[in-house]
Amino acid sequence: MRTLFLLLLTTLLPALAHGQVQVFACEPEWGALTNALAGDRAEVFVATTANQDPHHIEARPSLIAKMRRADLVVCTGAELEVGWLPLLIRRSGNPNVQTDQPGYFEAAMSVPRLNIPETLDRSHGDVHSAGNPHVHLDPHRLLSIARALAERLQQVDPPHQAHYQQRLDDFAQHWQRRIQHWEQQAQALSGLKVVVHHQDWLYLNHWLGLNQVATIEPRPGIPPSAADQKRLLRTLTDQPPDAILIAGYQNPQAARWLAERLQVPLVTLPYTVGGDSHSNGLSELFQRTLHLLLQTRKVAP
């Protein structure tokens, strides 16, 4: 009888009590952050790559299957994945990762966001009602998100709270040293005039003091027409930017056309972990980004 009771109890316990926390990370940056905070306590699946636009992902059956087995979903939120994440969650039928459960974590909602619209008008393009979601490119916000995510891991996996707290403490100490180092390097970048393709770089620009003078997209998420391109060229001809920034997953055609006519460098930044061969972790992502930006100032990092 006692053996039967123990068998039933074992069957009813959450799966993570017998192994790793199963984490579904929407983007590479959150997979990397979860691995840093959880170590061997988590098995992390990353749903997208650095070569994909996180706004537009197909809700494939393989992703639904991964979602069905997840104990924790870690995504950007703030409507970045609105076109595919709700469908995955709904079709997975997994009660642990519904939006009102501890197993659902939106990184962007853990920190203050920029560009929260006062009114919503879809004629203005792909505007996010919760503000710009690309928060991971500010290392100060990333540290705040790390603290919130560590707390959520402790909530999902309470027997190992001390493990997550220790890894958070280690990460925070390391990250604060890196921020100090990067900010010393980045002093030469203050005031750098940049044109961007999309509003991916808002938090990076805000952190580094870059001067974003224009956006190639006439409205967020709307590709530029030939007339839009010519209009932007006329606007920038008298006072050209120092550089044009794009992400590796973006079509470079419009940015290349503009850069050639303005005779300014076109800089492809990694945007997220894995964005190029030098950006295999979070620290490497920021170091590589600074290196590429400093080259526009002809400053050795």
Protein backbone atom coordinates (compact mmCIF):
# COMPACT_ATOMS: atom_id res chain seq x y z
CA MET A 1 0.00 0.00 0.00
CA ARG A 2 2.80 2.42 0.89
CA THR A 3 4.54 1.60 -2.39
CA LEU A 4 1.35 2.35 -4.31
CA PHE A 5 0.94 5.70 -2.49
CA LEU A 6 4.50 6.74 -3.30
CA LEU A 7 4.02 5.75 -6.92
CA LEU A 8 0.86 7.86 -7.18
CA LEU A 9 2.54 10.81 -5.47
CA THR A 10 5.49 10.60 -7.85
CA THR A 11 3.15 10.58 -10.83
CA LEU A 12 1.32 13.69 -9.63
CA LEU A 13 4.40 15.79 -8.88
CA PRO A 14 5.38 18.34 -11.55
CA ALA A 15 7.80 16.99 -14.10
CA LEU A 16 10.40 19.60 -13.26
CA ALA A 17 10.73 18.20 -9.74
CA HIS A 18 12.40 15.16 -11.33
CA GLY A 19 14.62 16.99 -13.79
CA GLN A 20 15.32 20.24 -15.52
CA VAL A 21 12.92 23.12 -15.98
CA GLN A 22 11.75 23.06 -19.58
CA VAL A 23 12.05 26.62 -20.91
CA PHE A 24 10.63 27.92 -24.18
CA ALA A 25 12.52 31.12 -25.07
CA CYS A 26 11.11 33.15 -27.93
CA GLU A 27 14.36 34.90 -28.89
CA PRO A 28 18.08 34.09 -28.57
CA GLU A 29 18.74 36.84 -26.01
CA TRP A 30 16.26 35.29 -23.57
CA GLY A 31 17.64 31.82 -24.16
CA ALA A 32 21.10 33.12 -23.30
CA LEU A 33 19.88 34.98 -20.22
CA THR A 34 17.93 31.96 -18.96
CA ASN A 35 20.97 29.74 -19.38
CA ALA A 36 23.08 32.25 -17.44
CA LEU A 37 20.59 32.29 -14.56
CA ALA A 38 19.59 28.63 -14.48
CA GLY A 39 22.69 26.73 -15.55
CA ASP A 40 22.08 23.00 -15.51
CA ARG A 41 18.69 23.43 -13.81
CA ALA A 42 17.05 24.30 -17.14
CA GLU A 43 16.80 22.84 -20.61
CA VAL A 44 16.27 25.84 -22.87
CA PHE A 45 14.72 25.72 -26.32
CA VAL A 46 15.01 28.88 -28.44
CA ALA A 47 12.21 29.30 -30.96
CA THR A 48 13.91 31.76 -33.31
CA THR A 49 17.34 32.57 -34.66
CA ALA A 50 19.19 35.85 -35.10
CA ASN A 51 18.45 35.63 -38.83
CA GLN A 52 14.70 35.81 -38.30
CA ASP A 53 12.52 38.85 -37.73
CA PRO A 54 10.89 38.16 -34.34
CA HIS A 55 7.79 40.08 -35.43
CA HIS A 56 6.99 37.51 -38.12
CA ILE A 57 7.37 33.83 -37.20
CA GLU A 58 5.29 30.89 -38.42
CA ALA A 59 3.49 29.01 -35.64
CA ARG A 60 4.78 25.62 -36.79
CA PRO A 61 3.58 22.32 -35.28
CA SER A 62 7.11 21.71 -33.93
CA LEU A 63 6.89 24.94 -31.93
CA ILE A 64 3.48 23.97 -30.60
CA ALA A 65 4.93 20.64 -29.44
CA LYS A 66 7.77 22.44 -27.62
CA MET A 67 5.29 24.82 -26.01
CA ARG A 68 3.19 21.89 -24.84
CA ARG A 69 6.13 20.54 -22.80
CA ALA A 70 7.28 23.89 -21.37
CA ASP A 71 7.29 24.78 -17.68
CA LEU A 72 8.25 28.38 -18.43
CA VAL A 73 7.89 30.62 -21.48
CA VAL A 74 10.34 33.55 -21.66
CA CYS A 75 9.58 36.07 -24.38
CA THR A 76 10.01 39.75 -25.10
CA GLY A 77 6.31 40.56 -24.91
CA ALA A 78 5.00 44.09 -25.35
CA GLU A 79 3.31 42.72 -28.51
CA LEU A 80 6.57 41.84 -30.29
CA GLU A 81 5.37 38.24 -30.81
CA VAL A 82 1.67 39.07 -31.06
CA GLY A 83 1.40 37.49 -34.52
CA TRP A 84 2.46 34.00 -33.40
CA LEU A 85 2.97 33.51 -29.65
CA PRO A 86 -0.71 33.61 -28.56
CA LEU A 87 -1.51 31.00 -31.21
CA LEU A 88 1.26 28.71 -29.93
CA ILE A 89 0.07 29.03 -26.34
CA ARG A 90 -3.56 28.44 -27.24
CA ARG A 91 -2.89 25.42 -29.43
CA SER A 92 -0.45 23.88 -26.96
CA GLY A 93 -3.19 23.44 -24.35
CA ASN A 94 -0.50 23.79 -21.67
CA PRO A 95 -2.13 25.27 -18.55
CA ASN A 96 1.23 26.17 -16.97
CA VAL A 97 2.20 28.78 -19.58
CA GLN A 98 -1.02 30.69 -20.04
CA THR A 99 -0.60 34.45 -19.79
CA ASP A 100 -2.00 34.62 -16.25
CA GLN A 101 0.25 31.86 -14.90
CA PRO A 102 3.76 31.95 -13.33
CA GLY A 103 5.02 29.95 -16.31
CA TYR A 104 4.56 32.95 -18.62
CA PHE A 105 7.19 35.71 -18.49
CA GLU A 106 7.36 38.87 -20.62
CA ALA A 107 10.77 40.50 -20.33
CA ALA A 108 9.75 43.92 -21.66
CA MET A 109 7.00 44.29 -19.08
CA SER A 110 9.61 44.07 -16.30
CA VAL A 111 11.19 47.42 -17.22
CA PRO A 112 10.12 50.93 -18.27
CA ARG A 113 9.55 51.13 -22.01
CA LEU A 114 10.15 53.96 -24.46
CA ASN A 115 7.76 55.28 -27.11
CA ILE A 116 4.49 54.27 -25.46
CA PRO A 117 1.88 55.85 -27.78
CA GLU A 118 -0.68 58.24 -26.35
CA THR A 119 -3.21 57.06 -28.93
CA LEU A 120 -3.33 54.02 -31.18
CA ASP A 121 -3.77 54.52 -34.91
CA ARG A 122 -2.94 51.62 -37.22
CA SER A 123 -2.43 54.07 -40.08
CA HIS A 124 0.84 54.91 -38.28
CA GLY A 125 2.12 51.39 -39.00
CA ASP A 126 3.05 48.53 -36.68
CA VAL A 127 2.82 50.51 -33.44
CA HIS A 128 3.10 48.61 -30.14
CA SER A 129 0.59 49.83 -27.57
CA ALA A 130 2.90 48.86 -24.69
CA GLY A 131 5.84 50.79 -26.15
CA ASN A 132 8.96 49.81 -28.04
CA PRO A 133 9.69 46.15 -27.19
CA HIS A 134 13.41 45.95 -28.12
CA VAL A 135 14.53 46.38 -24.52
CA HIS A 136 17.39 43.87 -24.52
CA LEU A 137 19.79 46.34 -26.17
CA ASP A 138 20.06 48.43 -23.00
CA PRO A 139 22.32 46.52 -20.57
CA HIS A 140 20.83 48.33 -17.55
CA ARG A 141 17.36 47.15 -18.47
CA LEU A 142 18.76 43.70 -19.18
CA LEU A 143 20.05 43.50 -15.61
CA SER A 144 16.62 44.46 -14.25
CA ILE A 145 15.07 41.77 -16.44
CA ALA A 146 17.61 39.25 -15.11
CA ARG A 147 16.47 39.97 -11.56
CA ALA A 148 12.81 39.54 -12.49
CA LEU A 149 13.51 36.34 -14.43
CA ALA A 150 15.53 34.83 -11.57
CA GLU A 151 12.59 35.51 -9.27
CA ARG A 152 10.26 33.77 -11.72
CA LEU A 153 12.57 30.75 -11.96
CA GLN A 154 12.51 30.53 -8.18
CA GLN A 155 8.72 30.60 -8.29
CA VAL A 156 8.50 27.88 -10.94
CA ASP A 157 11.19 25.71 -9.32
CA PRO A 158 11.03 26.50 -5.56
CA PRO A 159 13.26 23.66 -4.29
CA HIS A 160 16.23 25.33 -6.04
CA GLN A 161 15.73 28.96 -5.04
CA ALA A 162 19.23 29.25 -3.59
CA HIS A 163 20.72 28.03 -6.87
CA TYR A 164 18.99 30.76 -8.89
CA GLN A 165 19.84 33.44 -6.34
CA GLN A 166 23.54 32.55 -6.41
CA ARG A 167 23.65 32.56 -10.19
CA LEU A 168 21.83 35.90 -10.28
CA ASP A 169 24.34 37.39 -7.84
CA ASP A 170 27.24 36.14 -9.95
CA PHE A 171 25.65 37.42 -13.15
CA ALA A 172 24.88 40.84 -11.65
CA GLN A 173 28.44 41.35 -10.41
CA HIS A 174 29.88 40.37 -13.78
CA TRP A 175 27.33 42.43 -15.72
CA GLN A 176 27.87 45.60 -13.71
CA ARG A 177 31.61 45.37 -14.38
CA ARG A 178 30.94 44.91 -18.08
CA ILE A 179 28.59 47.91 -18.20
CA GLN A 180 31.23 50.11 -16.61
CA HIS A 181 33.78 48.91 -19.16
CA TRP A 182 31.43 49.40 -22.12
CA GLU A 183 30.43 52.88 -21.05
CA GLN A 184 34.06 53.92 -20.83
CA GLN A 185 34.60 52.60 -24.35
CA ALA A 186 31.46 54.25 -25.69
CA GLN A 187 32.28 57.83 -24.70
CA ALA A 188 33.52 58.47 -28.25
CA LEU A 189 30.10 57.52 -29.62
CA SER A 190 28.07 60.23 -27.90
CA GLY A 191 26.23 62.29 -30.50
CA LEU A 192 26.93 59.88 -33.37
CA LYS A 193 24.26 60.61 -36.02
CA VAL A 194 22.59 57.43 -37.25
CA VAL A 195 19.82 56.40 -39.59
CA VAL A 196 18.09 53.12 -38.76
CA HIS A 197 15.95 50.79 -40.84
CA HIS A 198 13.45 50.00 -38.07
CA GLN A 199 13.11 51.12 -34.45
CA ASP A 200 15.18 48.12 -33.27
CA TRP A 201 17.92 50.34 -31.88
CA LEU A 202 15.94 52.79 -29.76
CA TYR A 203 17.24 51.49 -26.41
CA LEU A 204 20.79 51.10 -27.70
CA ASN A 205 20.73 54.68 -28.98
CA HIS A 206 19.26 55.93 -25.71
CA TRP A 207 21.95 54.13 -23.68
CA LEU A 208 24.89 55.28 -25.80
CA GLY A 209 23.66 58.80 -26.54
CA LEU A 210 23.44 58.21 -30.30
CA ASN A 211 21.47 60.75 -32.30
CA GLN A 212 18.89 58.92 -34.42
CA VAL A 213 18.12 61.39 -37.21
CA ALA A 214 15.87 59.28 -39.45
CA THR A 215 14.25 55.90 -40.04
CA ILE A 216 14.23 54.22 -43.45
CA GLU A 217 10.78 52.76 -42.86
CA PRO A 218 8.25 55.57 -43.44
CA ARG A 219 6.14 53.99 -40.71
CA PRO A 220 7.04 51.09 -38.38
CA GLY A 221 6.87 47.81 -40.25
CA ILE A 222 6.12 49.46 -43.62
CA PRO A 223 8.81 48.94 -46.30
CA PRO A 224 9.91 52.15 -48.03
CA SER A 225 8.77 52.86 -51.56
CA ALA A 226 11.06 54.39 -54.18
CA ALA A 227 9.43 57.75 -53.49
CA ASP A 228 10.05 57.33 -49.74
CA GLN A 229 13.71 56.60 -50.43
CA LYS A 230 14.19 59.64 -52.66
CA ARG A 231 12.42 61.84 -50.13
CA LEU A 232 14.69 60.63 -47.33
CA LEU A 233 17.76 61.13 -49.50
CA ARG A 234 16.81 64.75 -50.15
CA THR A 235 16.27 65.31 -46.43
CA LEU A 236 19.68 63.92 -45.48
CA THR A 237 21.85 65.21 -48.32
CA ASP A 238 22.81 68.51 -46.69
CA GLN A 239 23.46 66.97 -43.28
CA PRO A 240 24.31 63.30 -43.81
CA PRO A 241 24.45 60.88 -40.89
CA ASP A 242 27.64 59.28 -39.62
CA ALA A 243 26.28 55.77 -40.26
CA ILE A 244 23.25 53.74 -41.27
CA LEU A 245 22.39 50.84 -38.94
CA ILE A 246 20.55 47.66 -39.84
CA ALA A 247 20.06 44.26 -38.22
CA GLY A 248 21.35 41.11 -39.85
CA TYR A 249 17.83 39.81 -40.44
CA GLN A 250 16.72 42.92 -42.33
CA ASN A 251 16.77 43.33 -46.11
CA PRO A 252 19.78 45.63 -46.72
CA GLN A 253 18.68 46.86 -50.15
CA ALA A 254 17.14 50.19 -49.12
CA ALA A 255 19.86 50.93 -46.57
CA ARG A 256 22.60 50.09 -49.07
CA TRP A 257 21.03 52.38 -51.70
CA LEU A 258 20.94 55.25 -49.23
CA ALA A 259 24.45 54.64 -47.88
CA GLU A 260 25.96 54.62 -51.36
CA ARG A 261 24.37 57.91 -52.32
CA LEU A 262 25.21 59.62 -49.03
CA GLN A 263 28.68 58.04 -49.00
CA VAL A 264 28.37 56.95 -45.36
CA PRO A 265 29.09 53.52 -43.83
CA LEU A 266 26.37 50.90 -43.68
CA VAL A 267 26.80 49.00 -40.39
CA THR A 268 25.15 45.61 -39.89
CA LEU A 269 24.84 45.09 -36.14
CA PRO A 270 24.24 41.63 -34.69
CA TYR A 271 21.04 42.70 -32.83
CA THR A 272 20.90 39.50 -30.76
CA VAL A 273 22.98 36.54 -29.62
CA GLY A 274 24.20 34.65 -32.68
CA GLY A 275 23.78 37.68 -34.93
CA ASP A 276 27.30 37.14 -36.25
CA SER A 277 30.25 34.86 -35.54
CA HIS A 278 31.52 37.19 -32.78
CA SER A 279 28.25 37.42 -30.82
CA ASN A 280 27.81 34.01 -29.22
CA GLY A 281 26.77 35.30 -25.78
CA LEU A 282 25.26 38.37 -24.17
CA SER A 283 28.59 39.98 -23.26
CA GLU A 284 29.92 39.23 -26.73
CA LEU A 285 26.81 40.79 -28.29
CA PHE A 286 27.40 44.14 -26.59
CA GLN A 287 31.17 44.06 -27.13
CA ARG A 288 30.74 43.33 -30.84
CA THR A 289 28.10 46.06 -31.20
CA LEU A 290 30.42 48.63 -29.63
CA HIS A 291 33.33 47.47 -31.78
CA LEU A 292 31.34 47.98 -34.98
CA LEU A 293 30.04 51.39 -33.90
CA LEU A 294 33.47 52.58 -32.80
CA GLN A 295 34.83 51.72 -36.24
CA THR A 296 32.60 54.47 -37.67
CA ARG A 297 34.51 56.89 -35.44
CA LYS A 298 37.77 55.16 -36.39
CA VAL A 299 38.37 54.50 -32.70
CA ALA A 300 39.99 51.22 -31.60
CA PRO A 301 37.79 49.47 -28.99
